[in-house]
């Protein structure tokens, strides 16, 4: 049965943990890098569909701080694939009014990757239809740790008083300071955990887990997730009666 997506009940901010590239390849008897290559095709299709639907914010978990523990050869291949993708998709970002945003410890990435990210981010900074955020060398605990240290530094320097520190101040010190909270978080591959991703920002997000590996996650799977989201009741601590008044 065809699922009809209500464009008036879409998440404002969609986040995705793109998991399962390596396992997808291994199950097919292929090298892990081919899983990542096919995963790029999924990224392209999902970004295109998110754009078509009118969802204004999409955040993709591409490389975590823990991923640095992977074999050096695989990391090098991933970094080269990232550079290649940024270069090949640059014109499409401009044509489709997409702004590229990168969050995480970007300084830990190879200089060549940093340069490419900075170039594309600068050239697309005024685009307004979709903010595409890529989480690279990202860890939510590290993000919160950095925010706390920076706030404490400002308190120490009398830039801000302790009494003024609230949730809005904390938000301003996060990597995602210019993004709204996540409404829907999708994780592919069958794993049911958050893996240190946007812990603060998903406080009231709806969570959707699918067994589909990321290279097979395409438009149809995205629609399944959105349809599921639209059939949930988001109460934010209130009762059903209160939100239906």
C-alpha atoms as a PDB file:
ATOM      1  CA  UNK A   1       0.000   0.000   0.000  1.00  0.00           C
ATOM      2  CA  UNK A   2       1.356   3.425  -0.978  1.00  0.00           C
ATOM      3  CA  UNK A   3       2.081   5.701   1.964  1.00  0.00           C
ATOM      4  CA  UNK A   4       1.035   9.314   1.575  1.00  0.00           C
ATOM      5  CA  UNK A   5       3.358  11.834   3.178  1.00  0.00           C
ATOM      6  CA  UNK A   6       1.685  14.904   4.672  1.00  0.00           C
ATOM      7  CA  UNK A   7       3.955  17.806   3.709  1.00  0.00           C
ATOM      8  CA  UNK A   8       2.439  19.876   6.520  1.00  0.00           C
ATOM      9  CA  UNK A   9       3.587  17.425   9.198  1.00  0.00           C
ATOM     10  CA  UNK A  10       7.220  16.980   8.221  1.00  0.00           C
ATOM     11  CA  UNK A  11      10.102  17.299  10.694  1.00  0.00           C
ATOM     12  CA  UNK A  12      11.886  20.628  10.544  1.00  0.00           C
ATOM     13  CA  UNK A  13      15.189  18.990  11.429  1.00  0.00           C
ATOM     14  CA  UNK A  14      15.943  15.441  10.301  1.00  0.00           C
ATOM     15  CA  UNK A  15      19.098  13.690  11.521  1.00  0.00           C
ATOM     16  CA  UNK A  16      20.423  10.357  10.266  1.00  0.00           C
ATOM     17  CA  UNK A  17      23.014   7.931  11.631  1.00  0.00           C
ATOM     18  CA  UNK A  18      24.200   6.399   8.358  1.00  0.00           C
ATOM     19  CA  UNK A  19      25.196   2.934   9.536  1.00  0.00           C
ATOM     20  CA  UNK A  20      25.992  -0.357   7.831  1.00  0.00           C
ATOM     21  CA  UNK A  21      28.154   0.477   4.819  1.00  0.00           C
ATOM     22  CA  UNK A  22      30.872  -2.015   5.715  1.00  0.00           C
ATOM     23  CA  UNK A  23      28.480  -4.814   6.657  1.00  0.00           C
ATOM     24  CA  UNK A  24      26.502  -4.258   3.454  1.00  0.00           C
ATOM     25  CA  UNK A  25      29.670  -4.830   1.435  1.00  0.00           C
ATOM     26  CA  UNK A  26      30.869  -7.791   3.488  1.00  0.00           C
ATOM     27  CA  UNK A  27      27.527  -9.574   3.099  1.00  0.00           C
ATOM     28  CA  UNK A  28      27.926  -9.245  -0.652  1.00  0.00           C
ATOM     29  CA  UNK A  29      31.517 -10.481  -0.593  1.00  0.00           C
ATOM     30  CA  UNK A  30      32.798  -7.027  -1.539  1.00  0.00           C
ATOM     31  CA  UNK A  31      35.506  -4.782  -0.115  1.00  0.00           C
ATOM     32  CA  UNK A  32      34.262  -2.443   2.637  1.00  0.00           C
ATOM     33  CA  UNK A  33      35.133   0.643   0.576  1.00  0.00           C
ATOM     34  CA  UNK A  34      32.470  -0.335  -1.961  1.00  0.00           C
ATOM     35  CA  UNK A  35      29.944  -0.095   0.851  1.00  0.00           C
ATOM     36  CA  UNK A  36      31.042   3.483   1.496  1.00  0.00           C
ATOM     37  CA  UNK A  37      30.948   4.274  -2.229  1.00  0.00           C
ATOM     38  CA  UNK A  38      27.382   2.997  -2.518  1.00  0.00           C
ATOM     39  CA  UNK A  39      26.562   4.866   0.674  1.00  0.00           C
ATOM     40  CA  UNK A  40      27.413   8.109  -1.134  1.00  0.00           C
ATOM     41  CA  UNK A  41      24.715   7.285  -3.692  1.00  0.00           C
ATOM     42  CA  UNK A  42      22.222   6.994  -0.827  1.00  0.00           C
ATOM     43  CA  UNK A  43      23.316  10.387   0.486  1.00  0.00           C
ATOM     44  CA  UNK A  44      22.660  11.949  -2.923  1.00  0.00           C
ATOM     45  CA  UNK A  45      19.180  10.427  -3.221  1.00  0.00           C
ATOM     46  CA  UNK A  46      18.160  11.297   0.342  1.00  0.00           C
ATOM     47  CA  UNK A  47      19.401  14.890   0.063  1.00  0.00           C
ATOM     48  CA  UNK A  48      17.480  15.267  -3.197  1.00  0.00           C
ATOM     49  CA  UNK A  49      14.261  13.915  -1.671  1.00  0.00           C
ATOM     50  CA  UNK A  50      14.610  15.993   1.510  1.00  0.00           C
ATOM     51  CA  UNK A  51      14.992  19.025  -0.755  1.00  0.00           C
ATOM     52  CA  UNK A  52      11.903  18.041  -2.763  1.00  0.00           C
ATOM     53  CA  UNK A  53       9.834  17.586   0.389  1.00  0.00           C
ATOM     54  CA  UNK A  54      10.880  20.953   1.776  1.00  0.00           C
ATOM     55  CA  UNK A  55      12.568  19.773   4.981  1.00  0.00           C
ATOM     56  CA  UNK A  56      14.887  22.709   5.832  1.00  0.00           C
ATOM     57  CA  UNK A  57      17.518  20.964   7.990  1.00  0.00           C
ATOM     58  CA  UNK A  58      19.262  17.635   7.398  1.00  0.00           C
ATOM     59  CA  UNK A  59      22.156  16.422   9.570  1.00  0.00           C
ATOM     60  CA  UNK A  60      24.160  13.335   8.617  1.00  0.00           C
ATOM     61  CA  UNK A  61      26.506  11.447  10.959  1.00  0.00           C
ATOM     62  CA  UNK A  62      29.393  10.710   8.606  1.00  0.00           C
ATOM     63  CA  UNK A  63      32.430  10.116  10.830  1.00  0.00           C
ATOM     64  CA  UNK A  64      32.573   9.906  14.626  1.00  0.00           C
ATOM     65  CA  UNK A  65      35.475  10.523  16.989  1.00  0.00           C
ATOM     66  CA  UNK A  66      35.505   6.747  17.605  1.00  0.00           C
ATOM     67  CA  UNK A  67      35.913   6.079  13.877  1.00  0.00           C
ATOM     68  CA  UNK A  68      39.535   7.220  14.164  1.00  0.00           C
ATOM     69  CA  UNK A  69      40.164   3.769  15.677  1.00  0.00           C
ATOM     70  CA  UNK A  70      39.446   2.075  12.343  1.00  0.00           C
ATOM     71  CA  UNK A  71      42.282   0.804  10.093  1.00  0.00           C
ATOM     72  CA  UNK A  72      44.349   3.682   8.706  1.00  0.00           C
ATOM     73  CA  UNK A  73      43.822   2.528   5.140  1.00  0.00           C
ATOM     74  CA  UNK A  74      40.035   2.645   5.513  1.00  0.00           C
ATOM     75  CA  UNK A  75      40.199   6.099   7.141  1.00  0.00           C
ATOM     76  CA  UNK A  76      42.380   7.383   4.298  1.00  0.00           C
ATOM     77  CA  UNK A  77      39.958   6.016   1.719  1.00  0.00           C
ATOM     78  CA  UNK A  78      37.013   7.624   3.525  1.00  0.00           C
ATOM     79  CA  UNK A  79      38.758  10.996   3.587  1.00  0.00           C
ATOM     80  CA  UNK A  80      39.550  10.790  -0.129  1.00  0.00           C
ATOM     81  CA  UNK A  81      35.952   9.814  -0.836  1.00  0.00           C
ATOM     82  CA  UNK A  82      34.766  12.820   1.151  1.00  0.00           C
ATOM     83  CA  UNK A  83      36.952  15.207  -0.862  1.00  0.00           C
ATOM     84  CA  UNK A  84      35.805  13.643  -4.127  1.00  0.00           C
ATOM     85  CA  UNK A  85      32.144  13.928  -3.121  1.00  0.00           C
ATOM     86  CA  UNK A  86      32.460  17.564  -2.047  1.00  0.00           C
ATOM     87  CA  UNK A  87      34.066  18.465  -5.365  1.00  0.00           C
ATOM     88  CA  UNK A  88      31.642  16.518  -7.543  1.00  0.00           C
ATOM     89  CA  UNK A  89      28.530  17.815  -5.742  1.00  0.00           C
ATOM     90  CA  UNK A  90      29.639  21.428  -5.341  1.00  0.00           C
ATOM     91  CA  UNK A  91      27.763  22.761  -8.382  1.00  0.00           C
ATOM     92  CA  UNK A  92      24.577  20.913  -7.363  1.00  0.00           C
ATOM     93  CA  UNK A  93      24.740  22.512  -3.920  1.00  0.00           C
ATOM     94  CA  UNK A  94      24.880  25.926  -5.553  1.00  0.00           C
ATOM     95  CA  UNK A  95      22.147  25.167  -8.108  1.00  0.00           C
ATOM     96  CA  UNK A  96      19.768  23.748  -5.491  1.00  0.00           C
ATOM     97  CA  UNK A  97      20.300  26.511  -2.913  1.00  0.00           C
ATOM     98  CA  UNK A  98      21.848  24.119  -0.359  1.00  0.00           C
ATOM     99  CA  UNK A  99      24.158  25.372   2.360  1.00  0.00           C
ATOM    100  CA  UNK A 100      26.880  23.010   3.565  1.00  0.00           C
ATOM    101  CA  UNK A 101      27.604  23.048   7.276  1.00  0.00           C
ATOM    102  CA  UNK A 102      30.176  20.877   9.064  1.00  0.00           C
ATOM    103  CA  UNK A 103      30.211  20.120  12.804  1.00  0.00           C
ATOM    104  CA  UNK A 104      32.713  18.282  14.985  1.00  0.00           C
ATOM    105  CA  UNK A 105      36.427  18.578  15.638  1.00  0.00           C
ATOM    106  CA  UNK A 106      37.161  19.692  12.094  1.00  0.00           C
ATOM    107  CA  UNK A 107      40.756  20.539  13.068  1.00  0.00           C
ATOM    108  CA  UNK A 108      41.415  16.788  13.521  1.00  0.00           C
ATOM    109  CA  UNK A 109      40.699  16.105   9.846  1.00  0.00           C
ATOM    110  CA  UNK A 110      43.467  16.074   7.214  1.00  0.00           C
ATOM    111  CA  UNK A 111      44.306  19.575   5.979  1.00  0.00           C
ATOM    112  CA  UNK A 112      43.122  18.726   2.480  1.00  0.00           C
ATOM    113  CA  UNK A 113      39.699  17.792   3.843  1.00  0.00           C
ATOM    114  CA  UNK A 114      39.548  20.940   5.984  1.00  0.00           C
ATOM    115  CA  UNK A 115      40.362  23.086   2.959  1.00  0.00           C
ATOM    116  CA  UNK A 116      37.643  21.494   0.840  1.00  0.00           C
ATOM    117  CA  UNK A 117      35.047  21.828   3.620  1.00  0.00           C
ATOM    118  CA  UNK A 118      35.974  25.467   4.222  1.00  0.00           C
ATOM    119  CA  UNK A 119      35.804  26.227   0.493  1.00  0.00           C
ATOM    120  CA  UNK A 120      32.373  24.674  -0.056  1.00  0.00           C
ATOM    121  CA  UNK A 121      30.985  26.064   3.213  1.00  0.00           C
ATOM    122  CA  UNK A 122      32.117  29.576   2.318  1.00  0.00           C
ATOM    123  CA  UNK A 123      30.719  29.432  -1.226  1.00  0.00           C
ATOM    124  CA  UNK A 124      27.336  28.118  -0.068  1.00  0.00           C
ATOM    125  CA  UNK A 125      26.945  30.135   3.148  1.00  0.00           C
ATOM    126  CA  UNK A 126      24.159  32.333   1.739  1.00  0.00           C
ATOM    127  CA  UNK A 127      22.039  29.440   0.436  1.00  0.00           C
ATOM    128  CA  UNK A 128      18.704  29.115   2.176  1.00  0.00           C
ATOM    129  CA  UNK A 129      16.568  26.193   0.956  1.00  0.00           C
ATOM    130  CA  UNK A 130      18.340  23.422   2.881  1.00  0.00           C
ATOM    131  CA  UNK A 131      21.055  23.420   5.533  1.00  0.00           C
ATOM    132  CA  UNK A 132      22.966  20.180   4.997  1.00  0.00           C
ATOM    133  CA  UNK A 133      25.079  19.483   8.068  1.00  0.00           C
ATOM    134  CA  UNK A 134      27.784  16.825   7.989  1.00  0.00           C
ATOM    135  CA  UNK A 135      29.057  15.571  11.357  1.00  0.00           C
ATOM    136  CA  UNK A 136      32.761  14.765  10.997  1.00  0.00           C
ATOM    137  CA  UNK A 137      35.124  13.728  13.777  1.00  0.00           C
ATOM    138  CA  UNK A 138      32.054  14.354  15.901  1.00  0.00           C
ATOM    139  CA  UNK A 139      31.233  13.182  19.402  1.00  0.00           C
ATOM    140  CA  UNK A 140      28.374  14.577  21.499  1.00  0.00           C
ATOM    141  CA  UNK A 141      30.202  14.155  24.804  1.00  0.00           C
ATOM    142  CA  UNK A 142      33.186  16.041  23.416  1.00  0.00           C
ATOM    143  CA  UNK A 143      30.832  18.736  22.153  1.00  0.00           C
ATOM    144  CA  UNK A 144      29.285  19.147  25.604  1.00  0.00           C
ATOM    145  CA  UNK A 145      32.699  19.066  27.282  1.00  0.00           C
ATOM    146  CA  UNK A 146      33.917  21.889  25.036  1.00  0.00           C
ATOM    147  CA  UNK A 147      30.761  23.900  25.665  1.00  0.00           C
ATOM    148  CA  UNK A 148      31.157  23.585  29.450  1.00  0.00           C
ATOM    149  CA  UNK A 149      34.814  24.606  29.318  1.00  0.00           C
ATOM    150  CA  UNK A 150      34.045  27.646  27.161  1.00  0.00           C
ATOM    151  CA  UNK A 151      31.192  28.732  29.428  1.00  0.00           C
ATOM    152  CA  UNK A 152      33.384  28.335  32.526  1.00  0.00           C
ATOM    153  CA  UNK A 153      36.066  30.401  30.814  1.00  0.00           C
ATOM    154  CA  UNK A 154      33.568  33.177  30.142  1.00  0.00           C
ATOM    155  CA  UNK A 155      32.324  33.056  33.728  1.00  0.00           C
ATOM    156  CA  UNK A 156      35.920  33.262  34.980  1.00  0.00           C
ATOM    157  CA  UNK A 157      36.583  36.260  32.720  1.00  0.00           C
ATOM    158  CA  UNK A 158      33.342  37.923  33.882  1.00  0.00           C
ATOM    159  CA  UNK A 159      31.972  37.857  30.340  1.00  0.00           C
ATOM    160  CA  UNK A 160      28.874  36.173  31.716  1.00  0.00           C
ATOM    161  CA  UNK A 161      27.613  35.569  35.250  1.00  0.00           C
ATOM    162  CA  UNK A 162      26.897  32.086  36.562  1.00  0.00           C
ATOM    163  CA  UNK A 163      23.267  33.090  37.167  1.00  0.00           C
ATOM    164  CA  UNK A 164      22.815  33.810  33.459  1.00  0.00           C
ATOM    165  CA  UNK A 165      23.858  30.325  32.363  1.00  0.00           C
ATOM    166  CA  UNK A 166      20.744  28.547  31.095  1.00  0.00           C
ATOM    167  CA  UNK A 167      19.766  26.227  28.251  1.00  0.00           C
ATOM    168  CA  UNK A 168      19.913  29.010  25.675  1.00  0.00           C
ATOM    169  CA  UNK A 169      23.479  29.858  26.735  1.00  0.00           C
ATOM    170  CA  UNK A 170      24.488  26.211  26.478  1.00  0.00           C
ATOM    171  CA  UNK A 171      22.899  26.031  23.000  1.00  0.00           C
ATOM    172  CA  UNK A 172      24.989  28.987  21.872  1.00  0.00           C
ATOM    173  CA  UNK A 173      28.177  27.103  22.765  1.00  0.00           C
ATOM    174  CA  UNK A 174      27.363  23.922  20.846  1.00  0.00           C
ATOM    175  CA  UNK A 175      28.487  23.058  17.309  1.00  0.00           C
ATOM    176  CA  UNK A 176      24.807  23.211  16.346  1.00  0.00           C
ATOM    177  CA  UNK A 177      24.217  26.714  17.691  1.00  0.00           C
ATOM    178  CA  UNK A 178      22.506  27.805  14.480  1.00  0.00           C
ATOM    179  CA  UNK A 179      20.307  24.721  14.124  1.00  0.00           C
ATOM    180  CA  UNK A 180      16.923  23.864  15.690  1.00  0.00           C
ATOM    181  CA  UNK A 181      16.510  20.775  17.867  1.00  0.00           C
ATOM    182  CA  UNK A 182      16.172  17.467  16.012  1.00  0.00           C
ATOM    183  CA  UNK A 183      12.591  16.334  15.390  1.00  0.00           C
ATOM    184  CA  UNK A 184      13.323  12.908  13.889  1.00  0.00           C
ATOM    185  CA  UNK A 185      16.445  10.765  14.254  1.00  0.00           C
ATOM    186  CA  UNK A 186      16.845   7.792  11.908  1.00  0.00           C
ATOM    187  CA  UNK A 187      19.419   5.039  12.349  1.00  0.00           C
ATOM    188  CA  UNK A 188      19.986   2.405   9.700  1.00  0.00           C
ATOM    189  CA  UNK A 189      21.469  -1.147   9.880  1.00  0.00           C
ATOM    190  CA  UNK A 190      19.383  -2.527  12.752  1.00  0.00           C
ATOM    191  CA  UNK A 191      21.458  -1.126  15.612  1.00  0.00           C
ATOM    192  CA  UNK A 192      19.359   0.543  18.318  1.00  0.00           C
ATOM    193  CA  UNK A 193      21.646   3.010  20.006  1.00  0.00           C
ATOM    194  CA  UNK A 194      22.558   6.684  19.651  1.00  0.00           C
ATOM    195  CA  UNK A 195      26.354   6.236  19.488  1.00  0.00           C
ATOM    196  CA  UNK A 196      27.281   9.601  20.979  1.00  0.00           C
ATOM    197  CA  UNK A 197      25.345  11.622  18.394  1.00  0.00           C
ATOM    198  CA  UNK A 198      23.584  14.924  19.183  1.00  0.00           C
ATOM    199  CA  UNK A 199      22.763  13.892  22.760  1.00  0.00           C
ATOM    200  CA  UNK A 200      21.591  17.375  23.752  1.00  0.00           C
ATOM    201  CA  UNK A 201      19.772  18.123  20.502  1.00  0.00           C
ATOM    202  CA  UNK A 202      17.638  14.937  20.429  1.00  0.00           C
ATOM    203  CA  UNK A 203      16.077  15.451  23.861  1.00  0.00           C
ATOM    204  CA  UNK A 204      12.550  15.391  22.377  1.00  0.00           C
ATOM    205  CA  UNK A 205      13.269  13.776  19.013  1.00  0.00           C
ATOM    206  CA  UNK A 206      11.310  10.830  17.688  1.00  0.00           C
ATOM    207  CA  UNK A 207      13.616   7.836  17.103  1.00  0.00           C
ATOM    208  CA  UNK A 208      13.275   5.516  14.117  1.00  0.00           C
ATOM    209  CA  UNK A 209      15.386   2.390  13.690  1.00  0.00           C
ATOM    210  CA  UNK A 210      15.451   0.294  10.532  1.00  0.00           C
ATOM    211  CA  UNK A 211      17.301  -2.923   9.672  1.00  0.00           C
ATOM    212  CA  UNK A 212      18.077  -1.581   6.201  1.00  0.00           C
ATOM    213  CA  UNK A 213      21.796  -0.921   5.662  1.00  0.00           C
ATOM    214  CA  UNK A 214      22.630   2.634   4.620  1.00  0.00           C
ATOM    215  CA  UNK A 215      23.545   1.794   0.964  1.00  0.00           C
ATOM    216  CA  UNK A 216      20.001   0.409   0.546  1.00  0.00           C
ATOM    217  CA  UNK A 217      18.306   3.315   2.331  1.00  0.00           C
ATOM    218  CA  UNK A 218      16.685   5.264  -0.471  1.00  0.00           C
ATOM    219  CA  UNK A 219      13.576   7.362  -1.146  1.00  0.00           C
ATOM    220  CA  UNK A 220      11.123   4.570  -0.274  1.00  0.00           C
ATOM    221  CA  UNK A 221      12.795   3.914   3.080  1.00  0.00           C
ATOM    222  CA  UNK A 222      12.837   7.624   3.876  1.00  0.00           C
ATOM    223  CA  UNK A 223       9.115   7.805   3.183  1.00  0.00           C
ATOM    224  CA  UNK A 224       8.532   4.841   5.516  1.00  0.00           C
ATOM    225  CA  UNK A 225      10.348   6.693   8.297  1.00  0.00           C
ATOM    226  CA  UNK A 226       8.471   9.937   7.676  1.00  0.00           C
ATOM    227  CA  UNK A 227       5.117   8.158   7.550  1.00  0.00           C
ATOM    228  CA  UNK A 228       5.924   6.500  10.868  1.00  0.00           C
ATOM    229  CA  UNK A 229       6.900   9.893  12.334  1.00  0.00           C
ATOM    230  CA  UNK A 230       3.657  11.497  11.185  1.00  0.00           C
ATOM    231  CA  UNK A 231       1.616   8.842  12.930  1.00  0.00           C
ATOM    232  CA  UNK A 232       3.165   9.525  16.334  1.00  0.00           C
ATOM    233  CA  UNK A 233       1.810  11.896  18.946  1.00  0.00           C
ATOM    234  CA  UNK A 234       4.426  14.405  20.049  1.00  0.00           C
ATOM    235  CA  UNK A 235       3.416  15.629  23.510  1.00  0.00           C
ATOM    236  CA  UNK A 236       6.571  17.291  24.911  1.00  0.00           C
ATOM    237  CA  UNK A 237       5.501  16.422  28.449  1.00  0.00           C
ATOM    238  CA  UNK A 238       1.868  17.397  27.990  1.00  0.00           C
ATOM    239  CA  UNK A 239      -1.163  15.124  27.888  1.00  0.00           C
ATOM    240  CA  UNK A 240      -2.943  14.103  24.691  1.00  0.00           C
ATOM    241  CA  UNK A 241      -5.897  16.234  25.711  1.00  0.00           C
ATOM    242  CA  UNK A 242      -3.738  19.321  26.100  1.00  0.00           C
ATOM    243  CA  UNK A 243      -2.120  19.111  22.679  1.00  0.00           C
ATOM    244  CA  UNK A 244      -5.428  18.422  20.934  1.00  0.00           C
ATOM    245  CA  UNK A 245      -7.226  21.455  22.331  1.00  0.00           C
END
